[in-house]
Amino acid sequence: TEISTVTRDTEDNYPELQNYLDETKSTLPSGS
């Protein structure tokens, strides 16, 4: 829920920052 809130805040107030919020390898699950 907090991730959604921060993401929405970024989309609404800092749309130019969205290009830099791609998921990084550290946020992707490991394994198959």
Full PDB file with SEQRES, HELIX, SHEET, SSBOND, CRYST1, ORIGX, SCALE, CONECT and MASTER records, all heavy atoms in Angstrom:
SEQRES   1 A   32  THR GLU ILE SER THR VAL THR ARG ASP THR GLU ASP ASN          
SEQRES   2 A   32  TYR PRO GLU LEU GLN ASN TYR LEU ASP GLU THR LYS SER          
SEQRES   3 A   32  THR LEU PRO SER GLY SER                                      
HELIX    1 AA1 GLU A    2  ASN A   13  1                                  12    
HELIX    2 AA2 PRO A   15  TYR A   20  5                                   6    
HELIX    3 AA3 LYS A   25  THR A   27  5                                   3    
CRYST1    1.000    1.000    1.000  90.00  90.00  90.00 P 1           1          
ORIGX1      1.000000  0.000000  0.000000        0.00000                         
ORIGX2      0.000000  1.000000  0.000000        0.00000                         
ORIGX3      0.000000  0.000000  1.000000        0.00000                         
SCALE1      1.000000  0.000000  0.000000        0.00000                         
SCALE2      0.000000  1.000000  0.000000        0.00000                         
SCALE3      0.000000  0.000000  1.000000        0.00000                         
ATOM      1  N   THR A   1       0.837  -1.192   0.000  1.00  0.00           N  
ATOM      2  CA  THR A   1       0.000   0.000   0.000  1.00  0.00           C  
ATOM      3  C   THR A   1       0.876   1.248   0.000  1.00  0.00           C  
ATOM      4  O   THR A   1       0.622   2.209  -0.734  1.00  0.00           O  
ATOM      5  CB  THR A   1      -0.942   0.005   1.216  1.00  0.00           C  
ATOM      6  OG1 THR A   1      -1.796  -1.134   1.142  1.00  0.00           O  
ATOM      7  CG2 THR A   1      -1.780   1.275   1.272  1.00  0.00           C  
ATOM      8  N   GLU A   2       1.927   1.239   0.801  1.00  0.00           N  
ATOM      9  CA  GLU A   2       2.827   2.390   0.853  1.00  0.00           C  
ATOM     10  C   GLU A   2       3.589   2.552  -0.467  1.00  0.00           C  
ATOM     11  O   GLU A   2       3.799   3.675  -0.932  1.00  0.00           O  
ATOM     12  CB  GLU A   2       3.804   2.264   2.023  1.00  0.00           C  
ATOM     13  CG  GLU A   2       4.524   3.550   2.283  1.00  0.00           C  
ATOM     14  CD  GLU A   2       5.294   3.570   3.594  1.00  0.00           C  
ATOM     15  OE1 GLU A   2       5.188   2.621   4.383  1.00  0.00           O  
ATOM     16  OE2 GLU A   2       6.022   4.555   3.802  1.00  0.00           O  
ATOM     17  N   ILE A   3       3.981   1.440  -1.086  1.00  0.00           N  
ATOM     18  CA  ILE A   3       4.635   1.504  -2.392  1.00  0.00           C  
ATOM     19  C   ILE A   3       3.695   2.166  -3.395  1.00  0.00           C  
ATOM     20  O   ILE A   3       4.106   3.039  -4.165  1.00  0.00           O  
ATOM     21  CB  ILE A   3       5.051   0.095  -2.876  1.00  0.00           C  
ATOM     22  CG1 ILE A   3       6.251  -0.404  -2.061  1.00  0.00           C  
ATOM     23  CG2 ILE A   3       5.383   0.101  -4.373  1.00  0.00           C  
ATOM     24  CD1 ILE A   3       6.610  -1.862  -2.305  1.00  0.00           C  
ATOM     25  N   SER A   4       2.436   1.785  -3.365  1.00  0.00           N  
ATOM     26  CA  SER A   4       1.447   2.385  -4.268  1.00  0.00           C  
ATOM     27  C   SER A   4       1.303   3.877  -4.010  1.00  0.00           C  
ATOM     28  O   SER A   4       1.199   4.675  -4.950  1.00  0.00           O  
ATOM     29  CB  SER A   4       0.094   1.703  -4.102  1.00  0.00           C  
ATOM     30  OG  SER A   4       0.151   0.376  -4.525  1.00  0.00           O  
ATOM     31  N   THR A   5       1.288   4.264  -2.746  1.00  0.00           N  
ATOM     32  CA  THR A   5       1.152   5.670  -2.383  1.00  0.00           C  
ATOM     33  C   THR A   5       2.342   6.484  -2.880  1.00  0.00           C  
ATOM     34  O   THR A   5       2.167   7.566  -3.457  1.00  0.00           O  
ATOM     35  CB  THR A   5       1.006   5.809  -0.855  1.00  0.00           C  
ATOM     36  OG1 THR A   5      -0.142   5.077  -0.435  1.00  0.00           O  
ATOM     37  CG2 THR A   5       0.871   7.259  -0.437  1.00  0.00           C  
ATOM     38  N   VAL A   6       3.547   5.982  -2.666  1.00  0.00           N  
ATOM     39  CA  VAL A   6       4.755   6.687  -3.109  1.00  0.00           C  
ATOM     40  C   VAL A   6       4.784   6.764  -4.634  1.00  0.00           C  
ATOM     41  O   VAL A   6       5.115   7.803  -5.215  1.00  0.00           O  
ATOM     42  CB  VAL A   6       6.031   5.999  -2.563  1.00  0.00           C  
ATOM     43  CG1 VAL A   6       7.284   6.595  -3.175  1.00  0.00           C  
ATOM     44  CG2 VAL A   6       6.086   6.104  -1.047  1.00  0.00           C  
ATOM     45  N   THR A   7       4.404   5.679  -5.286  1.00  0.00           N  
ATOM     46  CA  THR A   7       4.380   5.660  -6.748  1.00  0.00           C  
ATOM     47  C   THR A   7       3.367   6.658  -7.290  1.00  0.00           C  
ATOM     48  O   THR A   7       3.655   7.410  -8.230  1.00  0.00           O  
ATOM     49  CB  THR A   7       4.068   4.240  -7.262  1.00  0.00           C  
ATOM     50  OG1 THR A   7       5.059   3.335  -6.751  1.00  0.00           O  
ATOM     51  CG2 THR A   7       4.062   4.185  -8.775  1.00  0.00           C  
ATOM     52  N   ARG A   8       2.187   6.700  -6.690  1.00  0.00           N  
ATOM     53  CA  ARG A   8       1.160   7.663  -7.114  1.00  0.00           C  
ATOM     54  C   ARG A   8       1.628   9.096  -6.902  1.00  0.00           C  
ATOM     55  O   ARG A   8       1.410   9.967  -7.744  1.00  0.00           O  
ATOM     56  CB  ARG A   8      -0.143   7.422  -6.351  1.00  0.00           C  
ATOM     57  CG  ARG A   8      -1.218   6.791  -7.182  1.00  0.00           C  
ATOM     58  CD  ARG A   8      -2.566   6.791  -6.500  1.00  0.00           C  
ATOM     59  NE  ARG A   8      -2.524   6.563  -5.067  1.00  0.00           N  
ATOM     60  CZ  ARG A   8      -2.635   5.364  -4.486  1.00  0.00           C  
ATOM     61  NH1 ARG A   8      -2.797   4.291  -5.199  1.00  0.00           N  
ATOM     62  NH2 ARG A   8      -2.579   5.247  -3.184  1.00  0.00           N  
ATOM     63  N   ASP A   9       2.258   9.349  -5.758  1.00  0.00           N  
ATOM     64  CA  ASP A   9       2.782  10.686  -5.473  1.00  0.00           C  
ATOM     65  C   ASP A   9       3.793  11.089  -6.542  1.00  0.00           C  
ATOM     66  O   ASP A   9       3.763  12.216  -7.038  1.00  0.00           O  
ATOM     67  CB  ASP A   9       3.436  10.718  -4.089  1.00  0.00           C  
ATOM     68  CG  ASP A   9       4.091  12.045  -3.785  1.00  0.00           C  
ATOM     69  OD1 ASP A   9       3.430  13.093  -3.915  1.00  0.00           O  
ATOM     70  OD2 ASP A   9       5.293  12.039  -3.423  1.00  0.00           O  
ATOM     71  N   THR A  10       4.653  10.161  -6.914  1.00  0.00           N  
ATOM     72  CA  THR A  10       5.649  10.444  -7.940  1.00  0.00           C  
ATOM     73  C   THR A  10       4.988  10.699  -9.282  1.00  0.00           C  
ATOM     74  O   THR A  10       5.346  11.649  -9.981  1.00  0.00           O  
ATOM     75  CB  THR A  10       6.643   9.263  -8.047  1.00  0.00           C  
ATOM     76  OG1 THR A  10       7.273   9.072  -6.779  1.00  0.00           O  
ATOM     77  CG2 THR A  10       7.702   9.528  -9.102  1.00  0.00           C  
ATOM     78  N   GLU A  11       4.015   9.865  -9.640  1.00  0.00           N  
ATOM     79  CA  GLU A  11       3.307  10.047 -10.917  1.00  0.00           C  
ATOM     80  C   GLU A  11       2.593  11.390 -10.971  1.00  0.00           C  
ATOM     81  O   GLU A  11       2.620  12.079 -11.994  1.00  0.00           O  
ATOM     82  CB  GLU A  11       2.288   8.937 -11.117  1.00  0.00           C  
ATOM     83  CG  GLU A  11       2.903   7.587 -11.402  1.00  0.00           C  
ATOM     84  CD  GLU A  11       1.885   6.464 -11.390  1.00  0.00           C  
ATOM     85  OE1 GLU A  11       0.730   6.670 -10.944  1.00  0.00           O  
ATOM     86  OE2 GLU A  11       2.239   5.355 -11.815  1.00  0.00           O  
ATOM     87  N   ASP A  12       1.959  11.778  -9.873  1.00  0.00           N  
ATOM     88  CA  ASP A  12       1.173  13.010  -9.838  1.00  0.00           C  
ATOM     89  C   ASP A  12       2.020  14.270  -9.727  1.00  0.00           C  
ATOM     90  O   ASP A  12       1.724  15.285 -10.348  1.00  0.00           O  
ATOM     91  CB  ASP A  12       0.189  12.986  -8.665  1.00  0.00           C  
ATOM     92  CG  ASP A  12      -0.896  11.938  -8.826  1.00  0.00           C  
ATOM     93  OD1 ASP A  12      -1.085  11.424  -9.957  1.00  0.00           O  
ATOM     94  OD2 ASP A  12      -1.560  11.619  -7.811  1.00  0.00           O  
ATOM     95  N   ASN A  13       3.069  14.219  -8.910  1.00  0.00           N  
ATOM     96  CA  ASN A  13       3.825  15.424  -8.596  1.00  0.00           C  
ATOM     97  C   ASN A  13       5.192  15.525  -9.267  1.00  0.00           C  
ATOM     98  O   ASN A  13       5.763  16.609  -9.334  1.00  0.00           O  
ATOM     99  CB  ASN A  13       3.996  15.541  -7.084  1.00  0.00           C  
ATOM    100  CG  ASN A  13       2.660  15.654  -6.390  1.00  0.00           C  
ATOM    101  OD1 ASN A  13       1.846  16.504  -6.725  1.00  0.00           O  
ATOM    102  ND2 ASN A  13       2.405  14.774  -5.443  1.00  0.00           N  
ATOM    103  N   TYR A  14       5.732  14.399  -9.704  1.00  0.00           N  
ATOM    104  CA  TYR A  14       7.069  14.394 -10.309  1.00  0.00           C  
ATOM    105  C   TYR A  14       7.087  13.461 -11.520  1.00  0.00           C  
ATOM    106  O   TYR A  14       7.861  12.509 -11.581  1.00  0.00           O  
ATOM    107  CB  TYR A  14       8.121  13.931  -9.298  1.00  0.00           C  
ATOM    108  CG  TYR A  14       7.998  14.641  -7.974  1.00  0.00           C  
ATOM    109  CD1 TYR A  14       7.366  14.023  -6.890  1.00  0.00           C  
ATOM    110  CD2 TYR A  14       8.483  15.935  -7.815  1.00  0.00           C  
ATOM    111  CE1 TYR A  14       7.224  14.678  -5.688  1.00  0.00           C  
ATOM    112  CE2 TYR A  14       8.334  16.597  -6.610  1.00  0.00           C  
ATOM    113  CZ  TYR A  14       7.706  15.962  -5.551  1.00  0.00           C  
ATOM    114  OH  TYR A  14       7.560  16.611  -4.358  1.00  0.00           O  
ATOM    115  N   PRO A  15       6.216  13.702 -12.508  1.00  0.00           N  
ATOM    116  CA  PRO A  15       6.113  12.768 -13.636  1.00  0.00           C  
ATOM    117  C   PRO A  15       7.431  12.574 -14.384  1.00  0.00           C  
ATOM    118  O   PRO A  15       7.689  11.497 -14.911  1.00  0.00           O  
ATOM    119  CB  PRO A  15       5.047  13.397 -14.532  1.00  0.00           C  
ATOM    120  CG  PRO A  15       4.958  14.812 -14.110  1.00  0.00           C  
ATOM    121  CD  PRO A  15       5.366  14.860 -12.672  1.00  0.00           C  
ATOM    122  N   GLU A  16       8.268  13.600 -14.391  1.00  0.00           N  
ATOM    123  CA  GLU A  16       9.548  13.479 -15.083  1.00  0.00           C  
ATOM    124  C   GLU A  16      10.483  12.480 -14.399  1.00  0.00           C  
ATOM    125  O   GLU A  16      11.422  11.971 -15.007  1.00  0.00           O  
ATOM    126  CB  GLU A  16      10.228  14.855 -15.214  1.00  0.00           C  
ATOM    127  CG  GLU A  16      10.578  15.523 -13.908  1.00  0.00           C  
ATOM    128  CD  GLU A  16       9.422  16.252 -13.220  1.00  0.00           C  
ATOM    129  OE1 GLU A  16       8.258  16.156 -13.650  1.00  0.00           O  
ATOM    130  OE2 GLU A  16       9.694  16.929 -12.223  1.00  0.00           O  
ATOM    131  N   LEU A  17      10.225  12.170 -13.158  1.00  0.00           N  
ATOM    132  CA  LEU A  17      11.050  11.225 -12.400  1.00  0.00           C  
ATOM    133  C   LEU A  17      10.697   9.771 -12.712  1.00  0.00           C  
ATOM    134  O   LEU A  17      11.500   8.876 -12.483  1.00  0.00           O  
ATOM    135  CB  LEU A  17      10.887  11.498 -10.901  1.00  0.00           C  
ATOM    136  CG  LEU A  17      11.731  10.711  -9.927  1.00  0.00           C  
ATOM    137  CD1 LEU A  17      13.210  10.903 -10.211  1.00  0.00           C  
ATOM    138  CD2 LEU A  17      11.422  11.134  -8.508  1.00  0.00           C  
ATOM    139  N   GLN A  18       9.549   9.533 -13.273  1.00  0.00           N  
ATOM    140  CA  GLN A  18       9.098   8.168 -13.553  1.00  0.00           C  
ATOM    141  C   GLN A  18      10.080   7.381 -14.401  1.00  0.00           C  
ATOM    142  O   GLN A  18      10.219   6.182 -14.225  1.00  0.00           O  
ATOM    143  CB  GLN A  18       7.739   8.177 -14.232  1.00  0.00           C  
ATOM    144  CG  GLN A  18       6.617   8.435 -13.272  1.00  0.00           C  
ATOM    145  CD  GLN A  18       5.301   8.347 -13.995  1.00  0.00           C  
ATOM    146  OE1 GLN A  18       4.898   9.307 -14.620  1.00  0.00           O  
ATOM    147  NE2 GLN A  18       4.663   7.216 -13.914  1.00  0.00           N  
ATOM    148  N   ASN A  19      10.774   8.043 -15.303  1.00  0.00           N  
ATOM    149  CA  ASN A  19      11.745   7.356 -16.155  1.00  0.00           C  
ATOM    150  C   ASN A  19      12.854   6.702 -15.341  1.00  0.00           C  
ATOM    151  O   ASN A  19      13.486   5.763 -15.808  1.00  0.00           O  
ATOM    152  CB  ASN A  19      12.377   8.330 -17.142  1.00  0.00           C  
ATOM    153  CG  ASN A  19      11.374   8.874 -18.119  1.00  0.00           C  
ATOM    154  OD1 ASN A  19      10.371   8.233 -18.414  1.00  0.00           O  
ATOM    155  ND2 ASN A  19      11.632  10.063 -18.627  1.00  0.00           N  
ATOM    156  N   TYR A  20      13.087   7.188 -14.142  1.00  0.00           N  
ATOM    157  CA  TYR A  20      14.174   6.682 -13.318  1.00  0.00           C  
ATOM    158  C   TYR A  20      13.714   5.684 -12.263  1.00  0.00           C  
ATOM    159  O   TYR A  20      14.506   5.231 -11.448  1.00  0.00           O  
ATOM    160  CB  TYR A  20      14.889   7.846 -12.623  1.00  0.00           C  
ATOM    161  CG  TYR A  20      15.396   8.856 -13.619  1.00  0.00           C  
ATOM    162  CD1 TYR A  20      14.722  10.053 -13.811  1.00  0.00           C  
ATOM    163  CD2 TYR A  20      16.517   8.593 -14.387  1.00  0.00           C  
ATOM    164  CE1 TYR A  20      15.166  10.973 -14.745  1.00  0.00           C  
ATOM    165  CE2 TYR A  20      16.974   9.510 -15.319  1.00  0.00           C  
ATOM    166  CZ  TYR A  20      16.292  10.691 -15.488  1.00  0.00           C  
ATOM    167  OH  TYR A  20      16.733  11.594 -16.413  1.00  0.00           O  
ATOM    168  N   LEU A  21      12.440   5.346 -12.267  1.00  0.00           N  
ATOM    169  CA  LEU A  21      11.904   4.452 -11.243  1.00  0.00           C  
ATOM    170  C   LEU A  21      11.719   3.019 -11.725  1.00  0.00           C  
ATOM    171  O   LEU A  21      11.009   2.247 -11.106  1.00  0.00           O  
ATOM    172  CB  LEU A  21      10.564   4.990 -10.720  1.00  0.00           C  
ATOM    173  CG  LEU A  21      10.622   6.330 -10.025  1.00  0.00           C  
ATOM    174  CD1 LEU A  21       9.243   6.704  -9.497  1.00  0.00           C  
ATOM    175  CD2 LEU A  21      11.628   6.308  -8.889  1.00  0.00           C  
ATOM    176  N   ASP A  22      12.367   2.663 -12.803  1.00  0.00           N  
ATOM    177  CA  ASP A  22      12.277   1.286 -13.272  1.00  0.00           C  
ATOM    178  C   ASP A  22      12.750   0.342 -12.180  1.00  0.00           C  
ATOM    179  O   ASP A  22      13.645   0.684 -11.398  1.00  0.00           O  
ATOM    180  CB  ASP A  22      13.151   1.080 -14.508  1.00  0.00           C  
ATOM    181  CG  ASP A  22      12.623   1.816 -15.714  1.00  0.00           C  
ATOM    182  OD1 ASP A  22      11.404   2.062 -15.765  1.00  0.00           O  
ATOM    183  OD2 ASP A  22      13.434   2.136 -16.594  1.00  0.00           O  
ATOM    184  N   GLU A  23      12.163  -0.805 -12.158  1.00  0.00           N  
ATOM    185  CA  GLU A  23      12.591  -1.790 -11.184  1.00  0.00           C  
ATOM    186  C   GLU A  23      14.041  -2.165 -11.458  1.00  0.00           C  
ATOM    187  O   GLU A  23      14.442  -2.338 -12.599  1.00  0.00           O  
ATOM    188  CB  GLU A  23      11.719  -3.037 -11.255  1.00  0.00           C  
ATOM    189  CG  GLU A  23      10.331  -2.806 -10.749  1.00  0.00           C  
ATOM    190  CD  GLU A  23       9.518  -4.076 -10.736  1.00  0.00           C  
ATOM    191  OE1 GLU A  23       9.794  -4.974 -11.530  1.00  0.00           O  
ATOM    192  OE2 GLU A  23       8.600  -4.135  -9.924  1.00  0.00           O  
ATOM    193  N   THR A  24      14.790  -2.265 -10.402  1.00  0.00           N  
ATOM    194  CA  THR A  24      16.172  -2.672 -10.535  1.00  0.00           C  
ATOM    195  C   THR A  24      16.276  -4.161 -10.294  1.00  0.00           C  
ATOM    196  O   THR A  24      15.354  -4.795  -9.799  1.00  0.00           O  
ATOM    197  CB  THR A  24      17.055  -1.930  -9.502  1.00  0.00           C  
ATOM    198  OG1 THR A  24      16.636  -2.319  -8.204  1.00  0.00           O  
ATOM    199  CG2 THR A  24      16.954  -0.424  -9.661  1.00  0.00           C  
ATOM    200  N   LYS A  25      17.406  -4.696 -10.621  1.00  0.00           N  
ATOM    201  CA  LYS A  25      17.617  -6.126 -10.440  1.00  0.00           C  
ATOM    202  C   LYS A  25      17.390  -6.528  -8.984  1.00  0.00           C  
ATOM    203  O   LYS A  25      16.929  -7.618  -8.696  1.00  0.00           O  
ATOM    204  CB  LYS A  25      19.031  -6.488 -10.891  1.00  0.00           C  
ATOM    205  CG  LYS A  25      19.218  -7.914 -11.245  1.00  0.00           C  
ATOM    206  CD  LYS A  25      20.561  -8.095 -11.923  1.00  0.00           C  
ATOM    207  CE  LYS A  25      20.676  -9.506 -12.379  1.00  0.00           C  
ATOM    208  NZ  LYS A  25      20.707  -9.738 -13.772  1.00  0.00           N  
ATOM    209  N   SER A  26      17.688  -5.653  -8.064  1.00  0.00           N  
ATOM    210  CA  SER A  26      17.529  -5.976  -6.647  1.00  0.00           C  
ATOM    211  C   SER A  26      16.063  -6.095  -6.231  1.00  0.00           C  
ATOM    212  O   SER A  26      15.753  -6.677  -5.201  1.00  0.00           O  
ATOM    213  CB  SER A  26      18.222  -4.928  -5.780  1.00  0.00           C  
ATOM    214  OG  SER A  26      17.581  -3.680  -5.920  1.00  0.00           O  
ATOM    215  N   THR A  27      15.151  -5.551  -7.025  1.00  0.00           N  
ATOM    216  CA  THR A  27      13.737  -5.634  -6.652  1.00  0.00           C  
ATOM    217  C   THR A  27      13.027  -6.781  -7.346  1.00  0.00           C  
ATOM    218  O   THR A  27      11.889  -7.084  -7.023  1.00  0.00           O  
ATOM    219  CB  THR A  27      12.987  -4.335  -6.998  1.00  0.00           C  
ATOM    220  OG1 THR A  27      13.020  -4.147  -8.408  1.00  0.00           O  
ATOM    221  CG2 THR A  27      13.580  -3.146  -6.287  1.00  0.00           C  
ATOM    222  N   LEU A  28      13.694  -7.394  -8.301  1.00  0.00           N  
ATOM    223  CA  LEU A  28      13.073  -8.494  -9.011  1.00  0.00           C  
ATOM    224  C   LEU A  28      13.304  -9.791  -8.253  1.00  0.00           C  
ATOM    225  O   LEU A  28      14.372 -10.007  -7.685  1.00  0.00           O  
ATOM    226  CB  LEU A  28      13.653  -8.600 -10.427  1.00  0.00           C  
ATOM    227  CG  LEU A  28      13.417  -7.382 -11.310  1.00  0.00           C  
ATOM    228  CD1 LEU A  28      14.146  -7.552 -12.633  1.00  0.00           C  
ATOM    229  CD2 LEU A  28      11.942  -7.176 -11.552  1.00  0.00           C  
ATOM    230  N   PRO A  29      12.321 -10.661  -8.227  1.00  0.00           N  
ATOM    231  CA  PRO A  29      12.484 -11.918  -7.505  1.00  0.00           C  
ATOM    232  C   PRO A  29      13.530 -12.799  -8.167  1.00  0.00           C  
ATOM    233  O   PRO A  29      13.694 -12.781  -9.380  1.00  0.00           O  
ATOM    234  CB  PRO A  29      11.101 -12.560  -7.577  1.00  0.00           C  
ATOM    235  CG  PRO A  29      10.431 -11.925  -8.737  1.00  0.00           C  
ATOM    236  CD  PRO A  29      11.025 -10.549  -8.871  1.00  0.00           C  
ATOM    237  N   SER A  30      14.233 -13.565  -7.355  1.00  0.00           N  
ATOM    238  CA  SER A  30      15.223 -14.474  -7.907  1.00  0.00           C  
ATOM    239  C   SER A  30      14.582 -15.835  -8.141  1.00  0.00           C  
ATOM    240  O   SER A  30      13.506 -16.125  -7.638  1.00  0.00           O  
ATOM    241  CB  SER A  30      16.408 -14.600  -6.951  1.00  0.00           C  
ATOM    242  OG  SER A  30      15.956 -15.064  -5.702  1.00  0.00           O  
ATOM    243  N   GLY A  31      15.246 -16.642  -8.897  1.00  0.00           N  
ATOM    244  CA  GLY A  31      14.716 -17.972  -9.174  1.00  0.00           C  
ATOM    245  C   GLY A  31      14.006 -18.013 -10.514  1.00  0.00           C  
ATOM    246  O   GLY A  31      13.955 -17.030 -11.243  1.00  0.00           O  
ATOM    247  N   SER A  32      13.459 -19.164 -10.822  1.00  0.00           N  
ATOM    248  CA  SER A  32      12.751 -19.319 -12.089  1.00  0.00           C  
ATOM    249  C   SER A  32      11.411 -18.595 -12.020  1.00  0.00           C  
ATOM    250  O   SER A  32      10.925 -18.262 -10.942  1.00  0.00           O  
ATOM    251  CB  SER A  32      12.523 -20.793 -12.390  1.00  0.00           C  
ATOM    252  OG  SER A  32      11.560 -21.324 -11.503  1.00  0.00           O  
TER     253      SER A  32                                                      
MASTER        0    0    0    3    0    0    0    6  252    1    0    3          
END                                                                             
